[in-house]
Amino acid sequence: MLEYKHLIRDSYKFYSQNLLNNLFQHPYTKIEFIEKDLGVSRITAANYLNRLAKDGILIKQKLGTGNYYINHKLYTILRNRVI
């Protein structure tokens, strides 16, 4: 989490602790979650997540009509802890 904090804070103007918390609350997030947690518009939330996905911080996956943004590093940690 600390690695992402420094990476996002140093590289993006839209860094916030709420964004970081959202990215680590579950191994994935959605535009709707960012809208709610950050209090931003749908367009702004989509821009944030698409930028993070474009730069390889998140992995964008389309499922049905929605997009999921996967925190691959967190997913890997959680997957490896499951016995």
N, C-alpha and C. Protein backbone atom coordinates (compact mmCIF):
# COMPACT_ATOMS: atom_id res chain seq x y z
N MET A 1 0.84 -1.19 0.00
CA MET A 1 0.00 0.00 0.00
C MET A 1 0.88 1.25 0.00
N LEU A 2 1.95 1.19 0.76
CA LEU A 2 2.87 2.33 0.83
C LEU A 2 3.52 2.60 -0.53
N GLU A 3 3.84 1.53 -1.24
CA GLU A 3 4.42 1.68 -2.58
C GLU A 3 3.45 2.43 -3.51
N TYR A 4 2.17 2.02 -3.50
CA TYR A 4 1.17 2.68 -4.32
C TYR A 4 0.96 4.13 -3.88
N LYS A 5 1.00 4.36 -2.58
CA LYS A 5 0.82 5.72 -2.07
C LYS A 5 1.86 6.65 -2.67
N HIS A 6 3.13 6.25 -2.61
CA HIS A 6 4.19 7.10 -3.14
C HIS A 6 4.11 7.22 -4.66
N LEU A 7 3.83 6.12 -5.33
CA LEU A 7 3.73 6.13 -6.79
C LEU A 7 2.62 7.06 -7.27
N ILE A 8 1.44 6.92 -6.70
CA ILE A 8 0.31 7.73 -7.14
C ILE A 8 0.48 9.18 -6.72
N ARG A 9 0.93 9.40 -5.49
CA ARG A 9 1.10 10.78 -5.00
C ARG A 9 2.14 11.53 -5.83
N ASP A 10 3.23 10.84 -6.21
CA ASP A 10 4.30 11.49 -6.96
C ASP A 10 4.00 11.66 -8.44
N SER A 11 3.09 10.85 -8.97
CA SER A 11 2.88 10.83 -10.43
C SER A 11 1.56 11.44 -10.90
N TYR A 12 0.59 11.60 -10.00
CA TYR A 12 -0.74 12.03 -10.42
C TYR A 12 -1.25 13.16 -9.53
N LYS A 13 -1.89 14.11 -10.15
CA LYS A 13 -2.47 15.24 -9.40
C LYS A 13 -3.70 14.83 -8.61
N PHE A 14 -4.31 13.72 -8.96
CA PHE A 14 -5.57 13.33 -8.33
C PHE A 14 -5.38 12.41 -7.12
N TYR A 15 -4.18 12.28 -6.62
CA TYR A 15 -3.96 11.43 -5.44
C TYR A 15 -4.79 11.91 -4.25
N SER A 16 -5.36 10.97 -3.52
CA SER A 16 -5.98 11.26 -2.23
C SER A 16 -5.94 9.99 -1.39
N GLN A 17 -5.99 10.15 -0.08
CA GLN A 17 -6.00 8.99 0.79
C GLN A 17 -7.26 8.15 0.55
N ASN A 18 -8.38 8.81 0.22
CA ASN A 18 -9.61 8.08 -0.07
C ASN A 18 -9.46 7.19 -1.32
N LEU A 19 -8.74 7.69 -2.31
CA LEU A 19 -8.48 6.89 -3.51
C LEU A 19 -7.65 5.67 -3.13
N LEU A 20 -6.60 5.88 -2.39
CA LEU A 20 -5.73 4.78 -1.97
C LEU A 20 -6.51 3.74 -1.15
N ASN A 21 -7.32 4.22 -0.22
CA ASN A 21 -8.14 3.32 0.59
C ASN A 21 -9.08 2.50 -0.29
N ASN A 22 -9.66 3.14 -1.29
CA ASN A 22 -10.56 2.44 -2.20
C ASN A 22 -9.83 1.34 -2.96
N LEU A 23 -8.62 1.61 -3.41
CA LEU A 23 -7.87 0.64 -4.19
C LEU A 23 -7.47 -0.58 -3.37
N PHE A 24 -7.43 -0.42 -2.04
CA PHE A 24 -7.02 -1.53 -1.18
C PHE A 24 -8.15 -2.09 -0.33
N GLN A 25 -9.36 -1.59 -0.52
CA GLN A 25 -10.50 -2.11 0.23
C GLN A 25 -10.87 -3.51 -0.29
N HIS A 26 -10.79 -3.70 -1.60
CA HIS A 26 -11.05 -4.97 -2.27
C HIS A 26 -9.99 -5.10 -3.36
N PRO A 27 -9.80 -6.30 -3.90
CA PRO A 27 -8.79 -6.44 -4.97
C PRO A 27 -9.22 -5.83 -6.31
N TYR A 28 -10.43 -5.26 -6.34
CA TYR A 28 -10.89 -4.59 -7.55
C TYR A 28 -11.72 -3.38 -7.13
N THR A 29 -11.92 -2.48 -8.08
CA THR A 29 -12.82 -1.35 -7.85
C THR A 29 -13.60 -1.10 -9.13
N LYS A 30 -14.57 -0.23 -9.04
CA LYS A 30 -15.39 0.15 -10.18
C LYS A 30 -15.56 1.66 -10.16
N ILE A 31 -15.99 2.20 -11.29
CA ILE A 31 -16.21 3.64 -11.40
C ILE A 31 -17.17 4.11 -10.31
N GLU A 32 -18.23 3.35 -10.09
CA GLU A 32 -19.24 3.73 -9.09
C GLU A 32 -18.65 3.85 -7.69
N PHE A 33 -17.70 2.97 -7.37
CA PHE A 33 -17.08 3.00 -6.04
C PHE A 33 -16.25 4.28 -5.87
N ILE A 34 -15.52 4.65 -6.93
CA ILE A 34 -14.69 5.87 -6.87
C ILE A 34 -15.59 7.10 -6.77
N GLU A 35 -16.66 7.12 -7.55
CA GLU A 35 -17.62 8.23 -7.48
C GLU A 35 -18.06 8.46 -6.04
N LYS A 36 -18.50 7.39 -5.42
CA LYS A 36 -19.05 7.48 -4.06
C LYS A 36 -17.97 7.85 -3.04
N ASP A 37 -16.84 7.16 -3.07
CA ASP A 37 -15.81 7.36 -2.05
C ASP A 37 -15.08 8.69 -2.17
N LEU A 38 -14.93 9.19 -3.41
CA LEU A 38 -14.21 10.44 -3.61
C LEU A 38 -15.13 11.63 -3.81
N GLY A 39 -16.42 11.36 -4.05
CA GLY A 39 -17.35 12.45 -4.28
C GLY A 39 -17.10 13.19 -5.58
N VAL A 40 -16.74 12.42 -6.63
CA VAL A 40 -16.46 13.02 -7.94
C VAL A 40 -17.50 12.53 -8.95
N SER A 41 -17.53 13.16 -10.10
CA SER A 41 -18.47 12.75 -11.15
C SER A 41 -18.04 11.43 -11.77
N ARG A 42 -18.96 10.82 -12.49
CA ARG A 42 -18.67 9.55 -13.15
C ARG A 42 -17.52 9.71 -14.16
N ILE A 43 -17.54 10.80 -14.89
CA ILE A 43 -16.49 11.06 -15.90
C ILE A 43 -15.13 11.19 -15.22
N THR A 44 -15.07 11.92 -14.12
CA THR A 44 -13.82 12.10 -13.40
C THR A 44 -13.33 10.77 -12.85
N ALA A 45 -14.22 9.98 -12.25
CA ALA A 45 -13.85 8.68 -11.71
C ALA A 45 -13.32 7.77 -12.82
N ALA A 46 -13.99 7.77 -13.96
CA ALA A 46 -13.54 6.95 -15.09
C ALA A 46 -12.17 7.40 -15.58
N ASN A 47 -11.95 8.70 -15.64
CA ASN A 47 -10.65 9.23 -16.05
C ASN A 47 -9.54 8.77 -15.11
N TYR A 48 -9.78 8.85 -13.81
CA TYR A 48 -8.78 8.42 -12.83
C TYR A 48 -8.43 6.95 -13.04
N LEU A 49 -9.45 6.10 -13.10
CA LEU A 49 -9.21 4.67 -13.20
C LEU A 49 -8.60 4.29 -14.55
N ASN A 50 -9.05 4.91 -15.62
CA ASN A 50 -8.48 4.61 -16.93
C ASN A 50 -7.02 5.03 -17.01
N ARG A 51 -6.68 6.13 -16.39
CA ARG A 51 -5.28 6.58 -16.37
C ARG A 51 -4.41 5.60 -15.58
N LEU A 52 -4.90 5.16 -14.43
CA LEU A 52 -4.15 4.19 -13.64
C LEU A 52 -4.01 2.86 -14.39
N ALA A 53 -5.04 2.48 -15.12
CA ALA A 53 -4.97 1.24 -15.92
C ALA A 53 -4.01 1.41 -17.10
N LYS A 54 -4.06 2.54 -17.75
CA LYS A 54 -3.18 2.80 -18.90
C LYS A 54 -1.72 2.74 -18.48
N ASP A 55 -1.43 3.21 -17.27
CA ASP A 55 -0.06 3.23 -16.77
C ASP A 55 0.35 1.94 -16.06
N GLY A 56 -0.53 0.94 -16.06
CA GLY A 56 -0.18 -0.37 -15.53
C GLY A 56 -0.33 -0.55 -14.03
N ILE A 57 -0.92 0.42 -13.35
CA ILE A 57 -1.12 0.31 -11.91
C ILE A 57 -2.32 -0.59 -11.61
N LEU A 58 -3.34 -0.49 -12.44
CA LEU A 58 -4.51 -1.36 -12.34
C LEU A 58 -4.67 -2.10 -13.66
N ILE A 59 -5.44 -3.17 -13.64
CA ILE A 59 -5.76 -3.91 -14.86
C ILE A 59 -7.25 -3.72 -15.12
N LYS A 60 -7.57 -3.21 -16.29
CA LYS A 60 -8.97 -2.97 -16.66
C LYS A 60 -9.54 -4.22 -17.30
N GLN A 61 -10.66 -4.68 -16.75
CA GLN A 61 -11.35 -5.86 -17.25
C GLN A 61 -12.80 -5.52 -17.52
N LYS A 62 -13.27 -5.76 -18.72
CA LYS A 62 -14.67 -5.53 -19.05
C LYS A 62 -15.44 -6.80 -18.74
N LEU A 63 -16.52 -6.67 -17.98
CA LEU A 63 -17.37 -7.81 -17.65
C LEU A 63 -18.81 -7.35 -17.83
N GLY A 64 -19.49 -7.93 -18.80
CA GLY A 64 -20.84 -7.49 -19.11
C GLY A 64 -20.79 -6.06 -19.63
N THR A 65 -21.57 -5.19 -19.01
CA THR A 65 -21.60 -3.79 -19.46
C THR A 65 -20.69 -2.90 -18.62
N GLY A 66 -20.07 -3.45 -17.59
CA GLY A 66 -19.24 -2.63 -16.71
C GLY A 66 -17.77 -2.98 -16.80
N ASN A 67 -16.97 -2.06 -16.27
CA ASN A 67 -15.54 -2.26 -16.20
C ASN A 67 -15.13 -2.46 -14.75
N TYR A 68 -14.24 -3.40 -14.54
CA TYR A 68 -13.64 -3.64 -13.23
C TYR A 68 -12.17 -3.30 -13.35
N TYR A 69 -11.64 -2.68 -12.32
CA TYR A 69 -10.25 -2.28 -12.30
C TYR A 69 -9.57 -3.06 -11.19
N ILE A 70 -8.70 -3.98 -11.58
CA ILE A 70 -8.11 -4.93 -10.64
C ILE A 70 -6.77 -4.43 -10.15
N ASN A 71 -6.61 -4.45 -8.83
CA ASN A 71 -5.33 -4.17 -8.19
C ASN A 71 -4.60 -5.51 -8.17
N HIS A 72 -3.81 -5.76 -9.21
CA HIS A 72 -3.20 -7.07 -9.39
C HIS A 72 -2.25 -7.44 -8.25
N LYS A 73 -1.51 -6.48 -7.75
CA LYS A 73 -0.58 -6.78 -6.66
C LYS A 73 -1.34 -7.22 -5.41
N LEU A 74 -2.42 -6.54 -5.08
CA LEU A 74 -3.23 -6.93 -3.93
C LEU A 74 -3.87 -8.29 -4.18
N TYR A 75 -4.38 -8.51 -5.35
CA TYR A 75 -4.98 -9.79 -5.70
C TYR A 75 -3.97 -10.93 -5.52
N THR A 76 -2.76 -10.73 -5.97
CA THR A 76 -1.72 -11.75 -5.85
C THR A 76 -1.41 -12.06 -4.40
N ILE A 77 -1.33 -11.03 -3.58
CA ILE A 77 -1.07 -11.24 -2.15
C ILE A 77 -2.19 -12.04 -1.52
N LEU A 78 -3.42 -11.67 -1.82
CA LEU A 78 -4.57 -12.37 -1.24
C LEU A 78 -4.66 -13.81 -1.75
N ARG A 79 -4.40 -14.01 -3.00
CA ARG A 79 -4.46 -15.35 -3.59
C ARG A 79 -3.42 -16.26 -2.96
N ASN A 80 -2.24 -15.74 -2.71
CA ASN A 80 -1.16 -16.54 -2.14
C ASN A 80 -1.41 -16.87 -0.66
N ARG A 81 -2.26 -16.10 0.01
CA ARG A 81 -2.56 -16.35 1.41
C ARG A 81 -3.62 -17.42 1.60
N VAL A 82 -4.39 -17.68 0.56
CA VAL A 82 -5.45 -18.68 0.65
C VAL A 82 -4.83 -20.07 0.58
N ILE A 83 -5.21 -20.90 1.49
CA ILE A 83 -4.64 -22.25 1.54
C ILE A 83 -5.59 -23.24 0.91
